[in-house]
Protein backbone atom coordinates (compact mmCIF):
# COMPACT_ATOMS: atom_id res chain seq x y z
CA MET A 1 86.34 135.84 177.98
CA GLY A 2 83.77 134.31 180.29
CA VAL A 3 85.48 131.72 182.53
CA SER A 4 83.48 129.66 184.99
CA GLY A 5 86.45 127.62 186.12
CA GLY A 6 85.20 124.41 184.54
CA ARG A 7 87.10 122.25 182.05
CA ASP A 8 85.79 123.97 178.91
CA SER A 9 86.58 127.56 179.89
CA VAL A 10 89.98 126.60 181.34
CA VAL A 11 90.99 124.96 178.04
CA MET A 12 89.79 128.05 176.15
CA ALA A 13 91.87 130.35 178.38
CA GLN A 14 94.94 128.15 177.95
CA TYR A 15 94.45 128.13 174.14
CA PHE A 16 94.22 131.91 174.03
CA LYS A 17 97.39 132.28 176.10
CA GLN A 18 99.31 129.81 173.91
CA ALA A 19 98.13 131.59 170.77
CA GLY A 20 99.35 134.96 172.05
CA PHE A 21 95.97 136.71 172.12
CA GLU A 22 95.35 139.68 174.36
CA PHE A 23 92.41 138.86 176.62
CA GLY A 24 91.00 139.16 180.10
CA ILE A 25 89.18 136.67 182.30
CA ALA A 26 85.70 137.56 183.59
CA HIS A 27 83.94 135.46 186.20
CA CYS A 28 80.40 135.65 187.59
CA ASN A 29 79.62 134.43 191.11
CA PHE A 30 75.90 133.67 191.10
CA LYS A 31 75.87 132.70 194.81
CA LEU A 32 73.89 129.53 194.06
CA ARG A 33 76.22 126.88 195.56
CA GLY A 34 77.57 128.50 198.69
CA THR A 35 81.25 127.85 199.35
CA GLU A 36 81.59 126.06 196.01
CA SER A 37 80.71 129.27 194.16
CA ASP A 38 83.24 131.24 196.22
CA ALA A 39 85.93 128.61 195.55
CA GLU A 40 85.36 128.94 191.78
CA GLU A 41 85.78 132.71 192.05
CA ARG A 42 89.10 132.28 193.86
CA PHE A 43 90.26 129.67 191.33
CA THR A 44 89.56 131.89 188.30
CA SER A 45 91.36 134.79 189.98
CA GLU A 46 94.40 132.56 190.49
CA LEU A 47 94.15 131.35 186.88
CA ALA A 48 94.21 134.97 185.66
CA ASP A 49 97.33 135.58 187.77
CA GLU A 50 98.98 132.45 186.36
CA LEU A 51 98.24 133.51 182.79
CA GLU A 52 99.14 137.14 183.56
CA VAL A 53 95.90 138.59 182.20
CA PRO A 54 93.39 141.07 183.69
CA PHE A 55 90.70 139.63 185.96
CA TYR A 56 87.14 140.90 186.38
CA THR A 57 84.58 139.49 188.76
CA THR A 58 81.13 140.30 190.10
CA VAL A 59 78.60 138.80 192.51
CA PHE A 60 74.89 138.46 191.65
CA ASP A 61 71.83 137.90 193.80
CA THR A 62 70.50 135.53 191.16
CA ILE A 63 67.56 134.20 193.17
CA SER A 64 66.12 137.68 193.84
CA TYR A 65 66.66 138.67 190.20
CA ALA A 66 64.74 135.59 189.00
CA SER A 67 61.94 136.14 191.53
CA ASP A 68 61.49 139.82 190.64
CA ARG A 69 61.14 138.98 186.95
CA GLY A 70 59.23 135.73 187.24
CA ILE A 71 61.85 133.73 185.33
CA SER A 72 63.82 130.57 186.03
CA ILE A 73 67.14 130.59 187.92
CA GLN A 74 68.90 129.40 184.74
CA MET A 75 67.39 132.18 182.64
CA ALA A 76 68.24 134.76 185.29
CA ALA A 77 71.87 133.62 185.46
CA ARG A 78 72.11 133.74 181.66
CA GLU A 79 70.73 137.29 181.46
CA LEU A 80 72.94 138.54 184.27
CA ARG A 81 76.03 136.91 182.81
CA TYR A 82 75.70 138.12 179.24
CA ASN A 83 74.65 141.65 180.21
CA TRP A 84 77.64 141.99 182.54
CA LEU A 85 80.10 140.49 180.04
CA GLU A 86 78.98 143.03 177.46
CA GLU A 87 79.54 145.84 179.96
CA ILE A 88 83.08 144.58 180.61
CA ARG A 89 83.77 144.25 176.88
CA ALA A 90 82.58 147.78 176.14
CA ASP A 91 84.11 149.47 179.21
CA PHE A 92 87.59 147.95 178.77
CA GLY A 93 87.82 148.02 174.99
CA TYR A 94 87.71 144.30 174.19
CA GLU A 95 86.61 143.35 170.71
CA TYR A 96 84.73 140.11 171.47
CA ILE A 97 83.28 138.03 174.29
CA ALA A 98 84.56 134.43 174.12
CA ILE A 99 82.45 131.62 175.61
CA GLY A 100 83.62 128.02 176.08
CA HIS A 101 80.76 126.16 174.38
CA HIS A 102 81.82 123.07 172.43
CA GLN A 103 80.36 120.68 169.88
CA SER A 104 78.63 118.51 172.49
CA ASP A 105 76.92 121.62 173.92
CA ALA A 106 75.66 122.39 170.40
CA ALA A 107 74.13 118.91 170.04
CA GLU A 108 72.43 119.25 173.44
CA THR A 109 71.06 122.66 172.44
CA ILE A 110 69.52 121.25 169.26
CA LEU A 111 67.83 118.44 171.20
CA LEU A 112 66.62 120.88 173.83
CA ASN A 113 65.20 123.20 171.17
CA LEU A 114 63.46 120.30 169.46
CA THR A 115 61.66 119.46 172.70
CA ARG A 116 60.65 123.11 173.17
CA GLY A 117 59.50 123.65 169.59
CA THR A 118 61.66 126.63 168.68
CA GLY A 119 61.32 126.14 164.91
CA ILE A 120 64.05 126.10 162.28
CA SER A 121 66.00 128.87 164.01
CA GLY A 122 66.62 126.53 166.94
CA LEU A 123 67.91 123.68 164.81
CA HIS A 124 71.23 125.25 163.86
CA GLY A 125 72.24 124.95 167.49
CA ILE A 126 74.98 127.23 168.77
CA LEU A 127 76.55 129.54 166.21
CA PRO A 128 80.34 130.15 166.30
CA LYS A 129 79.81 133.91 166.10
CA ARG A 130 76.85 136.14 166.81
CA ASN A 131 77.56 139.84 166.88
CA LYS A 132 80.27 140.31 169.57
CA LEU A 133 79.93 136.80 170.97
CA ILE A 134 82.33 134.08 169.78
CA ARG A 135 82.61 130.40 170.66
CA PRO A 136 86.08 129.22 169.61
CA LEU A 137 85.77 125.65 170.99
CA LEU A 138 82.92 124.45 168.78
CA PHE A 139 85.32 122.22 166.83
CA HIS A 140 85.91 120.12 169.99
CA THR A 141 83.65 117.51 171.58
CA ARG A 142 83.36 117.09 175.33
CA ASP A 143 85.39 113.88 175.18
CA GLU A 144 88.18 115.67 173.32
CA ILE A 145 88.30 118.45 175.89
CA ASP A 146 88.43 115.89 178.69
CA ARG A 147 91.44 114.24 177.03
CA ILE A 148 93.19 117.61 176.65
CA VAL A 149 92.65 118.40 180.33
CA ASP A 150 94.01 115.02 181.37
CA THR A 151 96.99 115.15 179.01
CA GLU A 152 98.01 118.70 179.91
CA ASP A 153 97.12 118.23 183.58
CA PHE A 154 95.11 121.46 183.60
CA LYS A 155 93.56 122.32 186.96
CA TYR A 156 89.83 123.11 186.92
CA CYS A 157 86.71 123.29 189.12
CA ASN A 158 83.99 120.68 189.08
CA ASP A 159 80.46 122.15 189.15
CA SER A 160 78.40 119.71 191.24
CA SER A 161 75.14 120.97 189.68
CA ASN A 162 76.23 119.41 186.36
CA ASN A 163 75.46 116.00 187.87
CA SER A 164 71.86 116.87 188.76
CA SER A 165 69.12 115.64 186.43
CA LYS A 166 66.60 118.19 187.66
CA TYR A 167 67.73 120.61 184.91
CA ALA A 168 66.49 119.90 181.38
CA ARG A 169 69.89 120.30 179.74
CA ASN A 170 71.54 118.01 182.27
CA LYS A 171 68.86 115.39 181.72
CA ILE A 172 69.56 115.45 177.99
CA ARG A 173 73.33 115.21 178.57
CA LEU A 174 73.18 112.50 181.23
CA GLN A 175 70.27 110.36 180.01
CA VAL A 176 69.40 111.08 176.36
CA ILE A 177 72.79 111.59 174.71
CA PRO A 178 74.27 108.28 175.94
CA ILE A 179 71.38 106.33 174.41
CA LEU A 180 71.66 108.20 171.11
CA LYS A 181 75.40 107.56 171.03
CA GLU A 182 74.68 103.87 171.24
CA LEU A 183 72.88 104.27 167.93
CA ASN A 184 75.45 106.67 166.48
CA PRO A 185 78.90 106.90 168.15
CA ASN A 186 79.69 109.95 165.97
CA LEU A 187 76.60 111.77 167.21
CA GLU A 188 78.25 115.18 167.69
CA GLU A 189 79.71 115.16 164.16
CA THR A 190 76.32 114.18 162.73
CA PHE A 191 74.63 117.01 164.63
CA LYS A 192 77.33 119.41 163.45
CA SER A 193 76.57 118.52 159.80
CA ASN A 194 72.83 118.73 160.39
CA ALA A 195 73.20 122.09 162.12
CA ARG A 196 75.08 123.45 159.10
CA ARG A 197 72.30 122.27 156.77
CA PHE A 198 69.60 123.78 158.96
CA PHE A 199 71.50 127.07 159.14
CA GLU A 200 71.74 127.20 155.34
CA LEU A 201 68.01 126.41 155.07
CA GLU A 202 67.29 129.19 157.52
CA GLN A 203 69.34 131.60 155.41
CA LEU A 204 67.36 130.59 152.30
CA LEU A 205 64.10 131.12 154.16
CA HIS A 206 65.16 134.55 155.41
CA HIS A 207 66.27 135.55 151.91
CA HIS A 208 62.87 134.53 150.52
CA ILE A 209 61.06 136.39 153.29
CA ASP A 210 63.11 139.54 152.57
CA GLU A 211 62.08 139.29 148.91
CA LEU A 212 58.44 138.90 149.96
CA LYS A 213 58.69 142.00 152.15
CA ASP A 214 60.06 144.02 149.24
CA ARG A 215 57.18 142.84 147.06
CA LEU A 216 54.26 142.82 149.50
CA PHE A 217 54.93 145.58 152.05
CA THR A 218 53.75 149.10 151.31
CA TYR A 219 55.10 151.55 153.88
CA ARG A 220 53.01 154.55 154.89
CA GLN A 221 53.31 157.33 157.41
CA ASN A 222 54.13 156.49 161.03
CA ASN A 223 55.59 153.11 160.07
CA GLU A 224 52.25 151.68 158.96
CA ILE A 225 52.52 148.71 156.63
CA LEU A 226 49.91 147.50 154.13
CA ILE A 227 49.95 143.87 152.94
CA PRO A 228 47.49 142.66 150.25
CA ILE A 229 45.22 139.94 151.63
CA ASN A 230 45.12 138.04 148.33
CA ASP A 231 48.89 137.71 148.41
CA ILE A 232 48.70 136.37 151.97
CA LYS A 233 46.18 133.77 150.82
CA ASN A 234 48.55 132.64 148.06
CA LEU A 235 51.63 132.16 150.27
CA GLN A 236 52.97 128.61 150.22
CA PRO A 237 53.68 127.38 152.83
CA GLN A 238 51.35 130.01 154.23
CA ARG A 239 51.82 129.70 157.98
CA THR A 240 55.63 129.52 157.86
CA LEU A 241 56.02 132.48 155.51
CA LEU A 242 53.43 134.62 157.29
CA TYR A 243 55.21 133.97 160.59
CA GLY A 244 58.49 135.02 158.98
CA LEU A 245 56.90 138.22 157.69
CA LEU A 246 55.18 139.22 160.92
CA SER A 247 57.19 137.71 163.79
CA PRO A 248 59.49 140.80 163.89
CA PHE A 249 56.38 142.62 165.16
CA ASN A 250 56.12 140.10 168.03
CA PHE A 251 53.09 138.20 166.75
CA THR A 252 52.94 134.61 167.98
CA GLU A 253 52.14 131.60 165.84
CA ALA A 254 48.85 131.21 167.71
CA VAL A 255 47.72 134.76 166.86
CA LEU A 256 48.79 134.37 163.24
CA GLY A 257 46.88 131.10 163.06
CA ASP A 258 43.74 132.98 164.12
CA LEU A 259 44.55 135.65 161.55
CA ILE A 260 44.78 133.08 158.75
CA ASN A 261 41.37 131.71 159.73
CA SER A 262 39.92 135.23 159.66
CA LEU A 263 41.14 136.48 156.27
CA GLU A 264 37.58 136.29 154.93
CA SER A 265 36.19 138.28 157.89
CA GLN A 266 34.51 141.63 157.67
CA PRO A 267 36.90 144.61 157.73
CA GLY A 268 37.80 145.95 161.14
CA LYS A 269 38.86 142.80 162.98
CA ILE A 270 42.05 143.42 164.99
CA PHE A 271 44.86 141.12 166.13
CA GLU A 272 47.37 142.33 168.69
CA SER A 273 50.90 141.64 169.88
CA ALA A 274 52.71 143.33 172.72
CA THR A 275 53.94 146.08 170.39
CA HIS A 276 51.77 146.07 167.25
CA GLN A 277 48.33 145.39 165.88
CA ILE A 278 47.05 144.03 162.58
CA THR A 279 43.74 145.30 161.23
CA ILE A 280 41.85 143.47 158.49
CA ASP A 281 40.88 146.22 156.06
CA ARG A 282 39.27 146.13 152.66
CA GLY A 283 41.69 143.99 150.69
CA SER A 284 44.69 144.60 152.96
CA LEU A 285 46.19 143.83 156.31
CA ILE A 286 47.34 147.00 158.07
CA VAL A 287 50.19 146.66 160.56
CA THR A 288 50.56 149.53 163.02
CA GLY A 289 52.37 150.18 166.26
CA ARG A 290 50.26 150.15 169.40
CA ASN A 291 49.69 153.13 171.66
CA GLN A 292 51.22 155.63 169.27
CA PRO A 293 50.68 159.15 170.64
CA ALA A 294 48.64 161.58 168.55
CA PRO A 295 50.76 164.14 166.69
CA ALA A 296 51.03 167.48 168.45
CA ASP A 297 48.77 170.27 167.21
CA VAL A 298 50.25 172.88 164.87
CA LEU A 299 49.15 176.52 164.85
CA ILE A 300 48.95 178.17 161.42
CA THR A 301 49.26 181.92 161.19
CA GLY A 302 47.86 184.22 158.55
CA THR A 303 51.22 184.61 156.79
CA ASP A 304 53.07 182.59 154.18
CA ASN A 305 54.80 179.74 155.96
CA GLU A 306 55.66 176.03 156.05
CA TYR A 307 54.60 173.53 158.69
CA THR A 308 55.10 169.82 159.28
CA TRP A 309 52.48 167.61 160.89
CA ASN A 310 52.39 163.81 161.12
CA GLY A 311 55.03 163.27 158.46
CA ALA A 312 53.59 165.70 155.91
CA LEU A 313 54.59 169.21 154.84
CA TYR A 314 51.91 171.94 154.75
CA ASN A 315 52.58 175.14 152.83
CA SER A 316 50.32 178.16 153.46
CA TYR A 317 50.04 181.38 151.52
CA ILE A 318 47.55 184.11 150.70
CA VAL A 319 46.73 185.50 147.25
CA SER A 320 44.39 188.17 145.95
CA VAL A 321 41.37 187.16 143.93
CA SER A 322 43.01 188.60 140.81
CA ASP A 323 46.02 186.26 141.23
CA PHE A 324 43.97 183.25 142.23
CA ARG A 325 44.07 180.07 140.14
CA LYS A 326 41.66 177.41 141.29
CA LYS A 327 43.12 174.01 142.13
CA THR A 328 41.08 170.84 142.34
CA SER A 329 43.61 168.61 144.10
CA GLY A 330 42.38 166.94 147.29
CA ASN A 331 45.70 167.91 148.87
CA THR A 332 44.95 171.64 148.49
CA VAL A 333 42.32 173.68 150.28
CA GLN A 334 41.31 177.21 149.16
CA LEU A 335 39.26 179.28 151.60
CA ASP A 336 37.76 182.75 151.89
CA HIS A 337 40.35 184.63 153.92
CA ARG A 338 37.88 187.12 155.45
CA LEU A 339 35.99 184.27 157.18
CA LEU A 340 39.02 182.88 158.96
CA SER A 341 40.06 183.55 162.56
CA PHE A 342 43.82 183.06 162.99
CA PRO A 343 45.68 181.17 164.21
CA LEU A 344 44.19 178.11 162.60
CA ARG A 345 44.90 174.73 164.19
CA LEU A 346 46.03 171.54 162.43
CA ARG A 347 45.19 168.57 164.64
CA SER A 348 43.96 164.98 164.82
CA TRP A 349 40.31 163.95 164.68
CA THR A 350 38.43 163.77 167.97
CA SER A 351 35.15 162.09 168.81
CA GLY A 352 32.18 164.36 168.11
CA ASP A 353 33.83 166.34 165.31
CA PHE A 354 31.53 167.45 162.50
CA PHE A 355 31.66 169.72 159.46
CA TYR A 356 29.59 170.79 156.42
CA PRO A 357 31.17 168.90 153.49
CA PHE A 358 31.76 171.02 150.40
CA GLY A 359 29.04 170.48 147.80
CA MET A 360 26.63 168.89 150.28
CA ARG A 361 23.76 170.16 152.38
CA GLY A 362 23.80 169.89 156.12
CA ARG A 363 26.38 168.84 158.56
CA LYS A 364 28.02 165.44 158.91
CA LYS A 365 29.92 163.77 161.71
CA LEU A 366 33.50 163.05 160.75
CA SER A 367 33.08 159.47 161.98
CA ASP A 368 30.29 158.97 159.41
CA PHE A 369 32.31 160.75 156.73
CA PHE A 370 35.27 158.43 157.33
CA ILE A 371 33.03 155.38 156.94
CA GLU A 372 31.57 156.71 153.69
CA GLN A 373 35.06 157.42 152.37
CA LYS A 374 36.13 153.87 153.36
CA ILE A 375 38.89 155.24 155.59
CA PRO A 376 40.16 152.53 157.99
CA ARG A 377 39.40 153.40 161.60
CA GLN A 378 43.06 153.22 162.63
CA MET A 379 43.83 155.82 159.93
CA LYS A 380 41.33 158.49 160.95
CA HIS A 381 43.50 159.75 163.82
CA LYS A 382 46.28 160.40 161.32
CA ILE A 383 44.31 162.59 158.92
CA GLY A 384 44.95 166.28 159.42
CA ILE A 385 41.94 168.32 160.58
CA LEU A 386 42.21 172.06 159.90
CA GLU A 387 40.25 173.99 162.52
CA ASN A 388 39.26 177.64 162.40
CA GLY A 389 39.95 179.94 165.34
CA ASN A 390 36.25 179.76 166.22
CA GLY A 391 36.31 175.95 166.43
CA ASP A 392 34.74 175.18 163.04
CA ILE A 393 36.39 172.51 160.93
CA LEU A 394 37.67 173.97 157.68
CA TRP A 395 39.23 170.99 155.96
CA VAL A 396 39.65 167.25 156.28
CA ALA A 397 43.12 167.20 154.76
CA GLY A 398 43.32 165.28 151.52
CA HIS A 399 39.57 164.68 151.41
CA ARG A 400 37.03 167.53 151.71
CA SER A 401 36.78 171.19 152.75
CA ASP A 402 33.89 172.84 154.60
CA ASP A 403 31.18 174.38 152.43
CA ARG A 404 30.69 177.38 154.74
CA TYR A 405 34.17 178.73 153.99
CA LYS A 406 34.22 178.33 150.22
CA ILE A 407 35.24 181.10 147.88
CA SER A 408 32.42 183.37 146.74
CA ALA A 409 31.87 186.53 144.70
CA ALA A 410 32.44 188.53 147.89
CA SER A 411 35.88 187.05 148.47
CA GLU A 412 38.83 189.44 148.25
CA LYS A 413 41.71 187.29 149.45
CA ILE A 414 42.16 183.55 149.24
CA PHE A 415 43.91 181.49 151.91
CA ILE A 416 45.59 178.41 150.44
CA LEU A 417 47.04 175.43 152.30
CA GLU A 418 48.79 172.66 150.36
CA LYS A 419 49.76 169.27 151.72
CA PHE A 420 52.84 167.42 150.49
CA GLU A 421 53.67 163.87 151.60
CA LEU A 422 57.23 163.49 152.82
CA SER A 423 59.30 160.41 151.98
CA ASN A 424 58.57 157.58 154.47
CA ALA A 425 60.49 154.73 152.86
CA ASN A 426 62.02 152.40 155.44
């Protein structure tokens, strides 16, 4: 358990000892209050000895950590603390990390989140359990813990920074909460009930969003997702549900607001997050990961074989003209074997590519062909391009072969390459 040496964590440690649990005490020295920080470290070590439990401690250069990452001292201390506690839990075989938050902390968290605008997820306050983190004192208020400490005469450390109003949480505890308790003496209990209601509302919202994902999301290769624009227009409430659908891809409310205002835009407009992008296509939003590397080229020999490229299976074989049965599927190409120079190469499209589309006169740039075929620009890099050994393009996989390599009366052997989509359900 994480023990700072303050009243809350001392009561938690005493409870665990009285209940007969096996536990250890872990203490972080953030070196923020000089000798006071060192005194807390010594106190928690002595408390562990008194309770006859293992003791773990570490010292952090919190100020340097915060400066290097451009974050606040409070955020830095939080990151350092929780990361280290998880290391201790995993390394020494503990099942959970216990933290001494109580009901009054939960009320302060809700008020703090309201001022920051964290949405419904911030209104349930502090949860009693989240993954490996537990908070067993949430049934107590601060006043109740104070009475326990006084009655049992528990020794503890007093953190002088708790009396400073320069921190937002302290300001809420020292200045806001007392005024609210004048209006409602049972403030913590009221916030506890409200937090439960908000948590249940959040669960309902998440359940509805999961149902929407099952209905609206179409998953394609490379984790691409298609969402019908008309369905987005009909969402009610639109902004809240769209944020629920797309926030896992790190899109902010501001970006999604711009997206909503652009649903009638011409295809091709792009919206980006740190990890993903959304492209407005013809009738759909297309969600893709950013900076995805192009699939590696695959060399295809002149023998029967199987290959995989970009999530699809390609099966090659050669037949004589007498055994040949023409196929018209776009996922099959049939070429005059004598015109091919092996190995062939299966690769992504590159700028400047051109071919002579089957059934047409003259050559055409692949970029123009993609536009004519209404292929979204973010998809063209994921369409297999079959290249002859001499550099000519033989086939735009799934779409069109090259007219120069078609089967003729002079053909003796036929090279066949079939494409099969592999399952990509997520």
